[in-house]
Amino acid sequence: MTLSGNISKINSELGYGFIQIPKVGEVFFSKETKFDGTHFEGLKVNDPVRVSVTETDRGPFASMLSLSPKKIPTRAPDLSV
C-alpha cells in the first residue's frame, strides 16, 4: 500500500526516522529502507513523501520511500498591481 505523508522526525546519528501519515499515524523508516530518487541523508523534517508501508510485528515500516513531487500551481499567480 502506497501512502502520502511528511517526515516528522529524523535521527541522522542513529539512521532512522518517522513519517506522519494521516489516519495511519507514524511509520518508521531507516537507512535500510529502499529509497527511490533520494537517499536518507537528503531527507529533512516536513519533506512530503510517498511511502510503501509494510505491517510488521513491531508496527508499520516504510519498505519504499520517495519524495513527493512538488505541487504545481493550477493557475498563474495574480500579478496585477
Protein backbone atom coordinates (compact mmCIF):
# COMPACT_ATOMS: atom_id res chain seq x y z
CA MET A 1 0.00 0.00 0.00
CA THR A 2 1.45 3.39 -1.03
CA LEU A 3 0.54 6.42 1.08
CA SER A 4 1.47 10.10 1.34
CA GLY A 5 2.81 11.81 4.43
CA ASN A 6 5.51 14.10 5.81
CA ILE A 7 8.79 13.36 7.55
CA SER A 8 8.08 14.07 11.23
CA LYS A 9 11.36 13.08 12.91
CA ILE A 10 14.88 12.13 11.83
CA ASN A 11 17.81 10.92 13.91
CA SER A 12 20.75 11.19 11.49
CA GLU A 13 23.26 9.83 14.01
CA LEU A 14 21.34 6.59 14.56
CA GLY A 15 19.98 6.34 11.00
CA TYR A 16 16.21 6.26 11.47
CA GLY A 17 13.14 8.48 11.34
CA PHE A 18 9.36 8.61 11.25
CA ILE A 19 6.79 9.64 8.68
CA GLN A 20 3.44 11.07 9.81
CA ILE A 21 0.63 9.69 7.64
CA PRO A 22 -2.93 10.98 8.11
CA LYS A 23 -5.32 8.32 9.50
CA VAL A 24 -2.40 5.88 9.97
CA GLY A 25 -0.04 7.60 12.39
CA GLU A 26 3.72 7.37 12.46
CA VAL A 27 5.58 4.96 10.19
CA PHE A 28 9.19 4.00 10.95
CA PHE A 29 11.96 4.19 8.32
CA SER A 30 15.72 3.68 8.47
CA LYS A 31 18.85 3.77 6.33
CA GLU A 32 17.95 0.20 5.30
CA THR A 33 14.67 1.38 3.72
CA LYS A 34 14.71 1.35 -0.10
CA PHE A 35 14.82 4.91 -1.46
CA ASP A 36 13.60 5.94 -4.91
CA GLY A 37 15.09 9.16 -6.29
CA THR A 38 16.52 10.27 -2.94
CA HIS A 39 18.61 8.93 -0.06
CA PHE A 40 18.45 9.02 3.74
CA GLU A 41 20.91 11.91 4.06
CA GLY A 42 18.83 14.05 1.67
CA LEU A 43 15.67 13.98 3.81
CA LYS A 44 14.53 16.78 6.13
CA VAL A 45 11.71 17.17 8.63
CA ASN A 46 8.46 18.23 6.89
CA ASP A 47 9.52 16.86 3.48
CA PRO A 48 6.46 15.44 1.70
CA VAL A 49 6.98 11.78 0.81
CA ARG A 50 5.25 8.79 -0.80
CA VAL A 51 5.82 5.58 1.08
CA SER A 52 5.02 1.88 0.71
CA VAL A 53 4.05 0.58 4.14
CA THR A 54 4.57 -2.96 5.39
CA GLU A 55 2.95 -4.05 8.64
CA THR A 56 5.42 -5.83 10.93
CA ASP A 57 5.13 -7.29 14.43
CA ARG A 58 6.73 -4.04 15.66
CA GLY A 59 4.32 -1.76 13.77
CA PRO A 60 4.22 -0.12 10.33
CA PHE A 61 7.54 0.06 8.46
CA ALA A 62 8.39 2.02 5.29
CA SER A 63 9.61 -0.54 2.76
CA MET A 64 10.00 2.03 -0.08
CA LEU A 65 10.23 5.81 0.22
CA SER A 66 10.34 8.61 -2.37
CA LEU A 67 9.94 12.37 -2.23
CA SER A 68 6.53 13.59 -3.39
CA PRO A 69 6.63 15.78 -6.48
CA LYS A 70 6.33 19.50 -5.79
CA LYS A 71 2.79 20.75 -6.16
CA ILE A 72 2.37 22.67 -9.39
CA PRO A 73 0.07 25.70 -9.21
CA THR A 74 -3.16 25.15 -11.11
CA ARG A 75 -3.22 28.76 -12.33
CA ALA A 76 -0.77 31.61 -12.74
CA PRO A 77 -0.39 33.95 -9.76
CA ASP A 78 -2.24 37.29 -9.92
CA LEU A 79 0.43 39.87 -10.76
CA SER A 80 -1.91 42.84 -11.19
CA VAL A 81 -0.95 45.95 -9.23
